[in-house]
Amino acid sequence: MTDWSWVAYTVLEVLIAISCFLGNALVVCAVCIGIRDSLREPTFCFLVSLAVADFLVGVAAVPLAVLLDGWVSVTPDLCLLLSCVVLVLTQASVLSLLAISVDRYLRLHIPLRYKALATQRRTWMAVSVCWTLSCILGFTPLFGWRNYSSLTSDFTNTSSSSSISPPCTFLSVISLPFMVYFNFLGCVMAPLLVMTLLYTKIFRSLQGRLKESCPQAQASLLREKRLACSLALVLILFAGCWIPLHLMNCLLLFQGPQAVTRGTLYTGILLSHANSAVNPVVYACRIPKIQQAYSQIWRRFIVRLNCCHGDKQVCQSIKGSRANHIETCGSGGKSTP
């Protein structure tokens, strides 16, 4: 790849990383601070898990993608470990999406047992299981399914002649059969098919209930349908952003390196990373609770900014609201955040 195109790729990766960092940090703050009660709802817990995975894509996966393009020279074991981090974050996103779809399905089909089953403790245990499985599946190459025999021989030859290690690249340590058969078909496509089936059943059920229900019940069902549509859109965007890169890996495996140009491969990588930056925009546009939380956070920021610039009236209003909040909490009432 020519110098100018590599610079363009790097600049775009930096912009995506910043967007992932800021956007998903805002999502976590919105759910944890702006709508604290929503942390008791399983869907928003899993949404926080997905936002954390997307946040880490900006913090870790994008920088590693740039560095693991032959720009760092490390030992084969360290190169493999750094490459696996990207796989862990991808798997965490997939399993968080799967947990969200299962949660919405259970909420709709067993509403009477749902509250007893989906307790806050069980929800956070499910989040922990998602991340534990992500680490196990993502770090699988460390246990033997790897492809750095050539890199190891290069490292041995290089170390005998000089102290500099050979360049580290993702495909020099992660085998294409692993990426296609295990990661793509087993860890990405299988969960996507399950999620597609679940959302199909959810929408069919909602459509039938909307036709049969009374006007009072329709309002609740319409809210449920709107949220399901928003979450399904997140799933569609994930599939649309990640499947092209996996298809390129299939072409590389079955037709060789000449099947995919370097520029096309970089476009696929950028598209997959951009998915983590798009999700916060979807939440802001489609989920009313997060819209309200964004507005609250923005208003608080503006008020505190005015207070810092010496607006005494604003500062007094902040102190007054804090006093009211403490008084309300002390009397056992609920205050709006």
C-alpha atoms as a PDB file:
ATOM      1  CA  MET A   1       0.000   0.000   0.000  1.00  0.00           C
ATOM      2  CA  THR A   2       1.345   3.432  -0.916  1.00  0.00           C
ATOM      3  CA  ASP A   3       2.267   5.925   1.779  1.00  0.00           C
ATOM      4  CA  TRP A   4      -0.697   8.252   1.227  1.00  0.00           C
ATOM      5  CA  SER A   5      -3.240   5.430   1.419  1.00  0.00           C
ATOM      6  CA  TRP A   6      -1.663   4.099   4.611  1.00  0.00           C
ATOM      7  CA  VAL A   7      -1.860   7.608   6.080  1.00  0.00           C
ATOM      8  CA  ALA A   8      -5.554   7.803   5.093  1.00  0.00           C
ATOM      9  CA  TYR A   9      -6.188   4.405   6.700  1.00  0.00           C
ATOM     10  CA  THR A  10      -4.420   5.439   9.904  1.00  0.00           C
ATOM     11  CA  VAL A  11      -6.234   8.785  10.106  1.00  0.00           C
ATOM     12  CA  LEU A  12      -9.601   7.066   9.669  1.00  0.00           C
ATOM     13  CA  GLU A  13      -8.712   4.521  12.352  1.00  0.00           C
ATOM     14  CA  VAL A  14      -7.796   7.344  14.752  1.00  0.00           C
ATOM     15  CA  LEU A  15     -11.122   9.089  14.082  1.00  0.00           C
ATOM     16  CA  ILE A  16     -13.019   5.827  14.613  1.00  0.00           C
ATOM     17  CA  ALA A  17     -11.118   5.166  17.850  1.00  0.00           C
ATOM     18  CA  ILE A  18     -11.984   8.634  19.205  1.00  0.00           C
ATOM     19  CA  SER A  19     -15.651   8.168  18.227  1.00  0.00           C
ATOM     20  CA  CYS A  20     -15.772   4.748  19.899  1.00  0.00           C
ATOM     21  CA  PHE A  21     -14.162   6.126  23.051  1.00  0.00           C
ATOM     22  CA  LEU A  22     -16.369   9.201  23.449  1.00  0.00           C
ATOM     23  CA  GLY A  23     -19.650   7.733  22.171  1.00  0.00           C
ATOM     24  CA  ASN A  24     -19.616   4.560  24.225  1.00  0.00           C
ATOM     25  CA  ALA A  25     -18.327   6.314  27.344  1.00  0.00           C
ATOM     26  CA  LEU A  26     -21.378   8.574  27.023  1.00  0.00           C
ATOM     27  CA  VAL A  27     -23.661   5.533  26.692  1.00  0.00           C
ATOM     28  CA  VAL A  28     -22.256   3.982  29.887  1.00  0.00           C
ATOM     29  CA  CYS A  29     -22.615   7.310  31.722  1.00  0.00           C
ATOM     30  CA  ALA A  30     -26.157   7.737  30.389  1.00  0.00           C
ATOM     31  CA  VAL A  31     -27.277   4.345  31.684  1.00  0.00           C
ATOM     32  CA  CYS A  32     -25.303   4.363  34.957  1.00  0.00           C
ATOM     33  CA  ILE A  33     -25.878   8.017  35.893  1.00  0.00           C
ATOM     34  CA  GLY A  34     -28.733   9.426  33.838  1.00  0.00           C
ATOM     35  CA  ILE A  35     -31.115   6.446  34.159  1.00  0.00           C
ATOM     36  CA  ARG A  36     -29.861   4.540  37.206  1.00  0.00           C
ATOM     37  CA  ASP A  37     -33.126   2.620  37.575  1.00  0.00           C
ATOM     38  CA  SER A  38     -32.545   1.099  34.144  1.00  0.00           C
ATOM     39  CA  LEU A  39     -29.616  -0.879  35.540  1.00  0.00           C
ATOM     40  CA  ARG A  40     -32.289  -3.070  37.109  1.00  0.00           C
ATOM     41  CA  GLU A  41     -33.582  -3.901  33.638  1.00  0.00           C
ATOM     42  CA  PRO A  42     -31.648  -6.773  32.026  1.00  0.00           C
ATOM     43  CA  THR A  43     -31.762  -5.239  28.539  1.00  0.00           C
ATOM     44  CA  PHE A  44     -29.902  -2.129  29.662  1.00  0.00           C
ATOM     45  CA  CYS A  45     -27.360  -4.202  31.597  1.00  0.00           C
ATOM     46  CA  PHE A  46     -26.548  -6.114  28.418  1.00  0.00           C
ATOM     47  CA  LEU A  47     -26.540  -2.820  26.519  1.00  0.00           C
ATOM     48  CA  VAL A  48     -23.874  -1.528  28.926  1.00  0.00           C
ATOM     49  CA  SER A  49     -21.885  -4.726  28.307  1.00  0.00           C
ATOM     50  CA  LEU A  50     -22.066  -4.086  24.549  1.00  0.00           C
ATOM     51  CA  ALA A  51     -21.065  -0.439  25.033  1.00  0.00           C
ATOM     52  CA  VAL A  52     -18.064  -1.494  27.152  1.00  0.00           C
ATOM     53  CA  ALA A  53     -16.969  -3.895  24.389  1.00  0.00           C
ATOM     54  CA  ASP A  54     -17.335  -1.104  21.810  1.00  0.00           C
ATOM     55  CA  PHE A  55     -15.459   1.288  24.110  1.00  0.00           C
ATOM     56  CA  LEU A  56     -12.571  -1.198  24.359  1.00  0.00           C
ATOM     57  CA  VAL A  57     -12.544  -1.502  20.568  1.00  0.00           C
ATOM     58  CA  GLY A  58     -11.628   2.198  20.445  1.00  0.00           C
ATOM     59  CA  VAL A  59      -9.131   1.924  23.305  1.00  0.00           C
ATOM     60  CA  ALA A  60      -7.441  -1.380  22.401  1.00  0.00           C
ATOM     61  CA  ALA A  61      -8.615  -3.069  19.180  1.00  0.00           C
ATOM     62  CA  VAL A  62      -8.129  -0.126  16.810  1.00  0.00           C
ATOM     63  CA  PRO A  63      -4.609   0.763  18.044  1.00  0.00           C
ATOM     64  CA  LEU A  64      -3.667  -2.918  17.901  1.00  0.00           C
ATOM     65  CA  ALA A  65      -5.041  -3.225  14.356  1.00  0.00           C
ATOM     66  CA  VAL A  66      -2.746  -0.411  13.254  1.00  0.00           C
ATOM     67  CA  LEU A  67       0.279  -1.751  15.113  1.00  0.00           C
ATOM     68  CA  LEU A  68      -0.281  -5.378  14.048  1.00  0.00           C
ATOM     69  CA  ASP A  69       0.115  -4.417  10.426  1.00  0.00           C
ATOM     70  CA  GLY A  70       3.825  -5.095  10.561  1.00  0.00           C
ATOM     71  CA  TRP A  71       4.740  -1.915  12.454  1.00  0.00           C
ATOM     72  CA  VAL A  72       5.912  -3.608  15.641  1.00  0.00           C
ATOM     73  CA  SER A  73       8.505  -6.303  16.151  1.00  0.00           C
ATOM     74  CA  VAL A  74       7.753  -8.582  19.102  1.00  0.00           C
ATOM     75  CA  THR A  75       8.131 -12.231  19.995  1.00  0.00           C
ATOM     76  CA  PRO A  76       5.649 -14.669  18.364  1.00  0.00           C
ATOM     77  CA  ASP A  77       3.947 -15.390  21.717  1.00  0.00           C
ATOM     78  CA  LEU A  78       3.342 -11.713  22.441  1.00  0.00           C
ATOM     79  CA  CYS A  79       2.185 -11.143  18.861  1.00  0.00           C
ATOM     80  CA  LEU A  80      -0.353 -13.970  19.283  1.00  0.00           C
ATOM     81  CA  LEU A  81      -1.570 -12.609  22.616  1.00  0.00           C
ATOM     82  CA  LEU A  82      -2.138  -9.107  21.210  1.00  0.00           C
ATOM     83  CA  SER A  83      -3.969 -10.528  18.194  1.00  0.00           C
ATOM     84  CA  CYS A  84      -6.299 -12.532  20.437  1.00  0.00           C
ATOM     85  CA  VAL A  85      -7.435  -9.367  22.248  1.00  0.00           C
ATOM     86  CA  VAL A  86      -9.233  -8.273  19.058  1.00  0.00           C
ATOM     87  CA  LEU A  87     -11.036 -11.649  18.905  1.00  0.00           C
ATOM     88  CA  VAL A  88     -12.131 -11.384  22.554  1.00  0.00           C
ATOM     89  CA  LEU A  89     -13.770  -7.980  22.006  1.00  0.00           C
ATOM     90  CA  THR A  90     -15.575  -9.171  18.873  1.00  0.00           C
ATOM     91  CA  GLN A  91     -16.897 -12.194  20.733  1.00  0.00           C
ATOM     92  CA  ALA A  92     -18.027 -10.034  23.662  1.00  0.00           C
ATOM     93  CA  SER A  93     -20.116  -7.951  21.247  1.00  0.00           C
ATOM     94  CA  VAL A  94     -21.690 -11.061  19.696  1.00  0.00           C
ATOM     95  CA  LEU A  95     -22.580 -12.621  23.055  1.00  0.00           C
ATOM     96  CA  SER A  96     -23.962  -9.328  24.415  1.00  0.00           C
ATOM     97  CA  LEU A  97     -26.223  -9.068  21.354  1.00  0.00           C
ATOM     98  CA  LEU A  98     -27.280 -12.686  21.864  1.00  0.00           C
ATOM     99  CA  ALA A  99     -28.083 -12.005  25.532  1.00  0.00           C
ATOM    100  CA  ILE A 100     -30.196  -8.985  24.545  1.00  0.00           C
ATOM    101  CA  SER A 101     -32.214 -11.010  22.034  1.00  0.00           C
ATOM    102  CA  VAL A 102     -32.798 -13.855  24.531  1.00  0.00           C
ATOM    103  CA  ASP A 103     -33.866 -11.315  27.160  1.00  0.00           C
ATOM    104  CA  ARG A 104     -36.435  -9.677  24.858  1.00  0.00           C
ATOM    105  CA  TYR A 105     -37.758 -13.090  23.807  1.00  0.00           C
ATOM    106  CA  LEU A 106     -38.234 -14.236  27.415  1.00  0.00           C
ATOM    107  CA  ARG A 107     -39.803 -10.916  28.401  1.00  0.00           C
ATOM    108  CA  LEU A 108     -42.425 -11.296  25.677  1.00  0.00           C
ATOM    109  CA  HIS A 109     -43.161 -15.024  25.884  1.00  0.00           C
ATOM    110  CA  ILE A 110     -43.063 -15.664  29.648  1.00  0.00           C
ATOM    111  CA  PRO A 111     -44.073 -12.266  31.112  1.00  0.00           C
ATOM    112  CA  LEU A 112     -45.389 -13.736  34.381  1.00  0.00           C
ATOM    113  CA  ARG A 113     -42.181 -15.644  35.188  1.00  0.00           C
ATOM    114  CA  TYR A 114     -39.847 -13.074  33.624  1.00  0.00           C
ATOM    115  CA  LYS A 115     -39.485 -10.807  36.692  1.00  0.00           C
ATOM    116  CA  ALA A 116     -38.754 -13.764  38.936  1.00  0.00           C
ATOM    117  CA  LEU A 117     -36.164 -15.155  36.502  1.00  0.00           C
ATOM    118  CA  ALA A 118     -34.453 -11.929  35.364  1.00  0.00           C
ATOM    119  CA  THR A 119     -33.267 -10.634  38.715  1.00  0.00           C
ATOM    120  CA  GLN A 120     -30.468  -8.086  38.891  1.00  0.00           C
ATOM    121  CA  ARG A 121     -28.071 -10.659  40.339  1.00  0.00           C
ATOM    122  CA  ARG A 122     -28.778 -13.195  37.603  1.00  0.00           C
ATOM    123  CA  THR A 123     -28.472 -10.517  34.933  1.00  0.00           C
ATOM    124  CA  TRP A 124     -24.989  -9.477  36.035  1.00  0.00           C
ATOM    125  CA  MET A 125     -24.048 -13.155  36.339  1.00  0.00           C
ATOM    126  CA  ALA A 126     -25.125 -13.559  32.699  1.00  0.00           C
ATOM    127  CA  VAL A 127     -22.948 -10.561  31.751  1.00  0.00           C
ATOM    128  CA  SER A 128     -20.005 -12.195  33.553  1.00  0.00           C
ATOM    129  CA  VAL A 129     -20.637 -15.473  31.714  1.00  0.00           C
ATOM    130  CA  CYS A 130     -20.671 -13.596  28.379  1.00  0.00           C
ATOM    131  CA  TRP A 131     -17.274 -12.045  29.061  1.00  0.00           C
ATOM    132  CA  THR A 132     -15.805 -15.277  30.431  1.00  0.00           C
ATOM    133  CA  LEU A 133     -16.902 -17.172  27.316  1.00  0.00           C
ATOM    134  CA  SER A 134     -15.550 -14.352  25.152  1.00  0.00           C
ATOM    135  CA  CYS A 135     -12.121 -14.716  26.755  1.00  0.00           C
ATOM    136  CA  ILE A 136     -12.165 -18.512  26.370  1.00  0.00           C
ATOM    137  CA  LEU A 137     -13.227 -18.380  22.705  1.00  0.00           C
ATOM    138  CA  GLY A 138     -11.039 -15.395  21.838  1.00  0.00           C
ATOM    139  CA  PHE A 139      -7.901 -16.813  23.436  1.00  0.00           C
ATOM    140  CA  THR A 140      -8.374 -20.268  21.853  1.00  0.00           C
ATOM    141  CA  PRO A 141      -5.326 -19.774  19.546  1.00  0.00           C
ATOM    142  CA  LEU A 142      -3.156 -19.602  22.675  1.00  0.00           C
ATOM    143  CA  PHE A 143      -4.035 -23.233  23.352  1.00  0.00           C
ATOM    144  CA  GLY A 144      -2.716 -24.548  20.049  1.00  0.00           C
ATOM    145  CA  TRP A 145      -4.828 -23.516  17.031  1.00  0.00           C
ATOM    146  CA  ARG A 146      -2.355 -20.982  15.720  1.00  0.00           C
ATOM    147  CA  ASN A 147      -0.293 -20.204  12.684  1.00  0.00           C
ATOM    148  CA  TYR A 148       3.069 -18.824  13.610  1.00  0.00           C
ATOM    149  CA  SER A 149       5.398 -21.587  12.493  1.00  0.00           C
ATOM    150  CA  SER A 150       6.731 -19.309   9.760  1.00  0.00           C
ATOM    151  CA  LEU A 151       6.973 -16.384  12.182  1.00  0.00           C
ATOM    152  CA  THR A 152       8.768 -18.600  14.711  1.00  0.00           C
ATOM    153  CA  SER A 153      11.304 -19.692  12.104  1.00  0.00           C
ATOM    154  CA  ASP A 154      11.728 -16.062  11.034  1.00  0.00           C
ATOM    155  CA  PHE A 155      12.191 -15.100  14.672  1.00  0.00           C
ATOM    156  CA  THR A 156      14.813 -17.816  15.142  1.00  0.00           C
ATOM    157  CA  ASN A 157      16.702 -16.781  12.004  1.00  0.00           C
ATOM    158  CA  THR A 158      16.463 -13.090  12.838  1.00  0.00           C
ATOM    159  CA  SER A 159      17.463 -13.513  16.468  1.00  0.00           C
ATOM    160  CA  SER A 160      20.536 -15.481  15.427  1.00  0.00           C
ATOM    161  CA  SER A 161      21.657 -12.668  13.124  1.00  0.00           C
ATOM    162  CA  SER A 162      20.416  -9.622  15.065  1.00  0.00           C
ATOM    163  CA  SER A 163      18.520  -8.577  18.183  1.00  0.00           C
ATOM    164  CA  ILE A 164      15.475  -7.277  16.218  1.00  0.00           C
ATOM    165  CA  SER A 165      12.347  -9.473  16.078  1.00  0.00           C
ATOM    166  CA  PRO A 166      10.434  -9.949  12.793  1.00  0.00           C
ATOM    167  CA  PRO A 167       7.369  -7.731  12.140  1.00  0.00           C
ATOM    168  CA  CYS A 168       4.168  -8.880  13.812  1.00  0.00           C
ATOM    169  CA  THR A 169       0.997  -9.177  11.686  1.00  0.00           C
ATOM    170  CA  PHE A 170      -2.421 -10.609  12.581  1.00  0.00           C
ATOM    171  CA  LEU A 171      -2.480 -13.359   9.935  1.00  0.00           C
ATOM    172  CA  SER A 172       1.097 -14.395  10.694  1.00  0.00           C
ATOM    173  CA  VAL A 173      -0.088 -15.839  14.026  1.00  0.00           C
ATOM    174  CA  ILE A 174      -3.863 -16.386  13.591  1.00  0.00           C
ATOM    175  CA  SER A 175      -4.593 -19.163  11.099  1.00  0.00           C
ATOM    176  CA  LEU A 176      -7.174 -18.640   8.362  1.00  0.00           C
ATOM    177  CA  PRO A 177      -8.868 -22.033   9.022  1.00  0.00           C
ATOM    178  CA  PHE A 178      -9.416 -20.871  12.625  1.00  0.00           C
ATOM    179  CA  MET A 179     -10.849 -17.525  11.450  1.00  0.00           C
ATOM    180  CA  VAL A 180     -13.195 -19.157   8.917  1.00  0.00           C
ATOM    181  CA  TYR A 181     -14.355 -22.405  10.517  1.00  0.00           C
ATOM    182  CA  PHE A 182     -14.202 -21.582  14.210  1.00  0.00           C
ATOM    183  CA  ASN A 183     -14.502 -17.806  14.539  1.00  0.00           C
ATOM    184  CA  PHE A 184     -16.762 -16.947  11.579  1.00  0.00           C
ATOM    185  CA  LEU A 185     -19.001 -20.014  11.232  1.00  0.00           C
ATOM    186  CA  GLY A 186     -19.013 -21.152  14.864  1.00  0.00           C
ATOM    187  CA  CYS A 187     -18.676 -17.980  16.942  1.00  0.00           C
ATOM    188  CA  VAL A 188     -20.296 -15.343  14.702  1.00  0.00           C
ATOM    189  CA  MET A 189     -22.684 -16.904  12.167  1.00  0.00           C
ATOM    190  CA  ALA A 190     -24.237 -19.455  14.539  1.00  0.00           C
ATOM    191  CA  PRO A 191     -25.218 -16.807  17.150  1.00  0.00           C
ATOM    192  CA  LEU A 192     -26.407 -14.465  14.362  1.00  0.00           C
ATOM    193  CA  LEU A 193     -28.729 -17.173  13.022  1.00  0.00           C
ATOM    194  CA  VAL A 194     -30.111 -17.803  16.531  1.00  0.00           C
ATOM    195  CA  MET A 195     -30.678 -14.057  17.020  1.00  0.00           C
ATOM    196  CA  THR A 196     -32.392 -13.765  13.635  1.00  0.00           C
ATOM    197  CA  LEU A 197     -34.755 -16.599  14.600  1.00  0.00           C
ATOM    198  CA  LEU A 198     -35.505 -15.007  17.993  1.00  0.00           C
ATOM    199  CA  TYR A 199     -36.249 -11.562  16.539  1.00  0.00           C
ATOM    200  CA  THR A 200     -38.443 -13.136  13.846  1.00  0.00           C
ATOM    201  CA  LYS A 201     -40.497 -14.821  16.573  1.00  0.00           C
ATOM    202  CA  ILE A 202     -40.590 -11.592  18.612  1.00  0.00           C
ATOM    203  CA  PHE A 203     -41.943  -9.498  15.731  1.00  0.00           C
ATOM    204  CA  ARG A 204     -44.497 -12.143  14.714  1.00  0.00           C
ATOM    205  CA  SER A 205     -45.731 -12.377  18.282  1.00  0.00           C
ATOM    206  CA  LEU A 206     -45.946  -8.596  18.670  1.00  0.00           C
ATOM    207  CA  GLN A 207     -47.780  -8.247  15.384  1.00  0.00           C
ATOM    208  CA  GLY A 208     -50.359 -10.836  16.430  1.00  0.00           C
ATOM    209  CA  ARG A 209     -50.851  -9.300  19.869  1.00  0.00           C
ATOM    210  CA  LEU A 210     -51.276  -5.807  18.450  1.00  0.00           C
ATOM    211  CA  LYS A 211     -54.169  -7.025  16.298  1.00  0.00           C
ATOM    212  CA  GLU A 212     -55.893  -8.772  19.194  1.00  0.00           C
ATOM    213  CA  SER A 213     -55.227  -6.357  22.080  1.00  0.00           C
ATOM    214  CA  CYS A 214     -57.336  -3.480  23.349  1.00  0.00           C
ATOM    215  CA  PRO A 215     -56.227   0.168  22.831  1.00  0.00           C
ATOM    216  CA  GLN A 216     -54.846   0.410  26.389  1.00  0.00           C
ATOM    217  CA  ALA A 217     -52.564  -2.593  25.902  1.00  0.00           C
ATOM    218  CA  GLN A 218     -51.451  -1.459  22.451  1.00  0.00           C
ATOM    219  CA  ALA A 219     -49.422   1.462  23.844  1.00  0.00           C
ATOM    220  CA  SER A 220     -47.224  -0.908  25.873  1.00  0.00           C
ATOM    221  CA  LEU A 221     -46.872  -3.313  22.947  1.00  0.00           C
ATOM    222  CA  LEU A 222     -45.895  -0.474  20.609  1.00  0.00           C
ATOM    223  CA  ARG A 223     -43.153   0.609  23.036  1.00  0.00           C
ATOM    224  CA  GLU A 224     -41.938  -2.984  23.151  1.00  0.00           C
ATOM    225  CA  LYS A 225     -41.966  -3.163  19.350  1.00  0.00           C
ATOM    226  CA  ARG A 226     -40.049   0.114  19.023  1.00  0.00           C
ATOM    227  CA  LEU A 227     -37.328  -1.111  21.395  1.00  0.00           C
ATOM    228  CA  ALA A 228     -37.170  -4.475  19.609  1.00  0.00           C
ATOM    229  CA  CYS A 229     -36.796  -2.663  16.259  1.00  0.00           C
ATOM    230  CA  SER A 230     -33.948  -0.561  17.677  1.00  0.00           C
ATOM    231  CA  LEU A 231     -32.111  -3.595  19.034  1.00  0.00           C
ATOM    232  CA  ALA A 232     -32.677  -5.505  15.794  1.00  0.00           C
ATOM    233  CA  LEU A 233     -31.163  -2.552  13.924  1.00  0.00           C
ATOM    234  CA  VAL A 234     -28.049  -2.809  16.126  1.00  0.00           C
ATOM    235  CA  LEU A 235     -27.853  -6.498  15.193  1.00  0.00           C
ATOM    236  CA  ILE A 236     -28.257  -5.776  11.461  1.00  0.00           C
ATOM    237  CA  LEU A 237     -25.530  -3.126  11.588  1.00  0.00           C
ATOM    238  CA  PHE A 238     -23.194  -5.563  13.357  1.00  0.00           C
ATOM    239  CA  ALA A 239     -23.776  -8.217  10.695  1.00  0.00           C
ATOM    240  CA  GLY A 240     -23.406  -5.709   7.857  1.00  0.00           C
ATOM    241  CA  CYS A 241     -20.142  -4.338   9.234  1.00  0.00           C
ATOM    242  CA  TRP A 242     -18.447  -7.602  10.210  1.00  0.00           C
ATOM    243  CA  ILE A 243     -19.539 -10.170   7.616  1.00  0.00           C
ATOM    244  CA  PRO A 244     -17.638  -8.505   4.706  1.00  0.00           C
ATOM    245  CA  LEU A 245     -14.341  -8.874   6.576  1.00  0.00           C
ATOM    246  CA  HIS A 246     -15.076 -12.514   7.367  1.00  0.00           C
ATOM    247  CA  LEU A 247     -15.966 -13.170   3.713  1.00  0.00           C
ATOM    248  CA  MET A 248     -12.589 -11.705   2.758  1.00  0.00           C
ATOM    249  CA  ASN A 249     -10.964 -14.213   5.132  1.00  0.00           C
ATOM    250  CA  CYS A 250     -12.875 -16.975   3.323  1.00  0.00           C
ATOM    251  CA  LEU A 251     -11.513 -15.761  -0.022  1.00  0.00           C
ATOM    252  CA  LEU A 252      -7.986 -15.617   1.402  1.00  0.00           C
ATOM    253  CA  LEU A 253      -8.335 -19.193   2.659  1.00  0.00           C
ATOM    254  CA  PHE A 254      -9.823 -20.770  -0.475  1.00  0.00           C
ATOM    255  CA  GLN A 255      -8.306 -18.651  -3.269  1.00  0.00           C
ATOM    256  CA  GLY A 256      -5.058 -17.347  -1.813  1.00  0.00           C
ATOM    257  CA  PRO A 257      -3.600 -13.892  -1.070  1.00  0.00           C
ATOM    258  CA  GLN A 258      -4.240 -12.630  -4.613  1.00  0.00           C
ATOM    259  CA  ALA A 259      -8.040 -12.889  -4.082  1.00  0.00           C
ATOM    260  CA  VAL A 260      -8.214  -9.791  -1.843  1.00  0.00           C
ATOM    261  CA  THR A 261      -6.210  -6.618  -2.389  1.00  0.00           C
ATOM    262  CA  ARG A 262      -4.632  -4.887   0.583  1.00  0.00           C
ATOM    263  CA  GLY A 263      -6.806  -1.821   0.094  1.00  0.00           C
ATOM    264  CA  THR A 264      -9.984  -3.938   0.118  1.00  0.00           C
ATOM    265  CA  LEU A 265      -8.852  -5.695   3.284  1.00  0.00           C
ATOM    266  CA  TYR A 266      -8.226  -2.362   5.015  1.00  0.00           C
ATOM    267  CA  THR A 267     -11.683  -1.188   3.959  1.00  0.00           C
ATOM    268  CA  GLY A 268     -13.183  -4.270   5.608  1.00  0.00           C
ATOM    269  CA  ILE A 269     -11.204  -3.629   8.792  1.00  0.00           C
ATOM    270  CA  LEU A 270     -12.350   0.013   8.898  1.00  0.00           C
ATOM    271  CA  LEU A 271     -15.967  -1.050   8.374  1.00  0.00           C
ATOM    272  CA  SER A 272     -15.807  -3.569  11.214  1.00  0.00           C
ATOM    273  CA  HIS A 273     -14.346  -0.979  13.603  1.00  0.00           C
ATOM    274  CA  ALA A 274     -16.842   1.664  12.503  1.00  0.00           C
ATOM    275  CA  ASN A 275     -19.648  -0.536  13.822  1.00  0.00           C
ATOM    276  CA  SER A 276     -18.538   0.237  17.387  1.00  0.00           C
ATOM    277  CA  ALA A 277     -18.742   3.977  16.666  1.00  0.00           C
ATOM    278  CA  VAL A 278     -22.211   3.777  15.072  1.00  0.00           C
ATOM    279  CA  ASN A 279     -23.987   2.005  17.942  1.00  0.00           C
ATOM    280  CA  PRO A 280     -24.137   5.049  20.291  1.00  0.00           C
ATOM    281  CA  VAL A 281     -25.776   7.043  17.476  1.00  0.00           C
ATOM    282  CA  VAL A 282     -28.421   4.324  17.088  1.00  0.00           C
ATOM    283  CA  TYR A 283     -29.106   4.368  20.835  1.00  0.00           C
ATOM    284  CA  ALA A 284     -29.455   8.154  20.803  1.00  0.00           C
ATOM    285  CA  CYS A 285     -31.822   8.183  17.823  1.00  0.00           C
ATOM    286  CA  ARG A 286     -33.941   5.143  18.633  1.00  0.00           C
ATOM    287  CA  ILE A 287     -34.139   4.542  22.416  1.00  0.00           C
ATOM    288  CA  PRO A 288     -36.141   7.244  24.291  1.00  0.00           C
ATOM    289  CA  LYS A 289     -34.629   6.539  27.742  1.00  0.00           C
ATOM    290  CA  ILE A 290     -31.115   7.028  26.429  1.00  0.00           C
ATOM    291  CA  GLN A 291     -32.218  10.165  24.546  1.00  0.00           C
ATOM    292  CA  GLN A 292     -33.501  11.615  27.832  1.00  0.00           C
ATOM    293  CA  ALA A 293     -30.319  10.597  29.656  1.00  0.00           C
ATOM    294  CA  TYR A 294     -28.166  12.265  26.989  1.00  0.00           C
ATOM    295  CA  SER A 295     -30.214  15.465  27.416  1.00  0.00           C
ATOM    296  CA  GLN A 296     -29.830  15.313  31.204  1.00  0.00           C
ATOM    297  CA  ILE A 297     -26.074  14.847  31.013  1.00  0.00           C
ATOM    298  CA  TRP A 298     -25.770  17.680  28.492  1.00  0.00           C
ATOM    299  CA  ARG A 299     -27.858  20.035  30.664  1.00  0.00           C
ATOM    300  CA  ARG A 300     -25.810  19.191  33.756  1.00  0.00           C
ATOM    301  CA  PHE A 301     -22.615  19.840  31.827  1.00  0.00           C
ATOM    302  CA  ILE A 302     -23.858  23.256  30.646  1.00  0.00           C
ATOM    303  CA  VAL A 303     -25.044  24.198  34.143  1.00  0.00           C
ATOM    304  CA  ARG A 304     -21.735  23.229  35.752  1.00  0.00           C
ATOM    305  CA  LEU A 305     -19.850  25.049  33.017  1.00  0.00           C
ATOM    306  CA  ASN A 306     -21.833  28.216  33.753  1.00  0.00           C
ATOM    307  CA  CYS A 307     -21.231  27.721  37.469  1.00  0.00           C
ATOM    308  CA  CYS A 308     -17.491  27.422  36.900  1.00  0.00           C
ATOM    309  CA  HIS A 309     -17.586  30.738  35.033  1.00  0.00           C
ATOM    310  CA  GLY A 310     -19.030  32.511  38.069  1.00  0.00           C
ATOM    311  CA  ASP A 311     -22.792  32.453  37.479  1.00  0.00           C
ATOM    312  CA  LYS A 312     -23.940  32.693  41.142  1.00  0.00           C
ATOM    313  CA  GLN A 313     -27.612  32.205  40.346  1.00  0.00           C
ATOM    314  CA  VAL A 314     -26.857  28.910  38.607  1.00  0.00           C
ATOM    315  CA  CYS A 315     -24.625  27.783  41.493  1.00  0.00           C
ATOM    316  CA  GLN A 316     -27.385  28.526  44.006  1.00  0.00           C
ATOM    317  CA  SER A 317     -29.864  26.529  41.924  1.00  0.00           C
ATOM    318  CA  ILE A 318     -27.447  23.579  41.946  1.00  0.00           C
ATOM    319  CA  LYS A 319     -27.082  23.790  45.738  1.00  0.00           C
ATOM    320  CA  GLY A 320     -30.848  24.071  46.101  1.00  0.00           C
ATOM    321  CA  SER A 321     -31.467  21.003  43.956  1.00  0.00           C
ATOM    322  CA  ARG A 322     -28.863  19.048  45.968  1.00  0.00           C
ATOM    323  CA  ALA A 323     -30.532  20.073  49.246  1.00  0.00           C
ATOM    324  CA  ASN A 324     -33.940  19.009  47.915  1.00  0.00           C
ATOM    325  CA  HIS A 325     -32.466  15.714  46.746  1.00  0.00           C
ATOM    326  CA  ILE A 326     -30.922  15.006  50.190  1.00  0.00           C
ATOM    327  CA  GLU A 327     -34.143  15.992  51.961  1.00  0.00           C
ATOM    328  CA  THR A 328     -36.208  13.767  49.681  1.00  0.00           C
ATOM    329  CA  CYS A 329     -33.878  10.809  50.156  1.00  0.00           C
ATOM    330  CA  GLY A 330     -33.889  11.300  53.895  1.00  0.00           C
ATOM    331  CA  SER A 331     -37.687  11.243  53.984  1.00  0.00           C
ATOM    332  CA  GLY A 332     -37.776   7.980  52.000  1.00  0.00           C
ATOM    333  CA  GLY A 333     -39.172   9.526  48.820  1.00  0.00           C
ATOM    334  CA  LYS A 334     -37.869   9.169  45.311  1.00  0.00           C
ATOM    335  CA  SER A 335     -36.207  12.008  43.502  1.00  0.00           C
ATOM    336  CA  THR A 336     -35.758  12.352  39.803  1.00  0.00           C
ATOM    337  CA  PRO A 337     -32.101  12.040  38.767  1.00  0.00           C
END
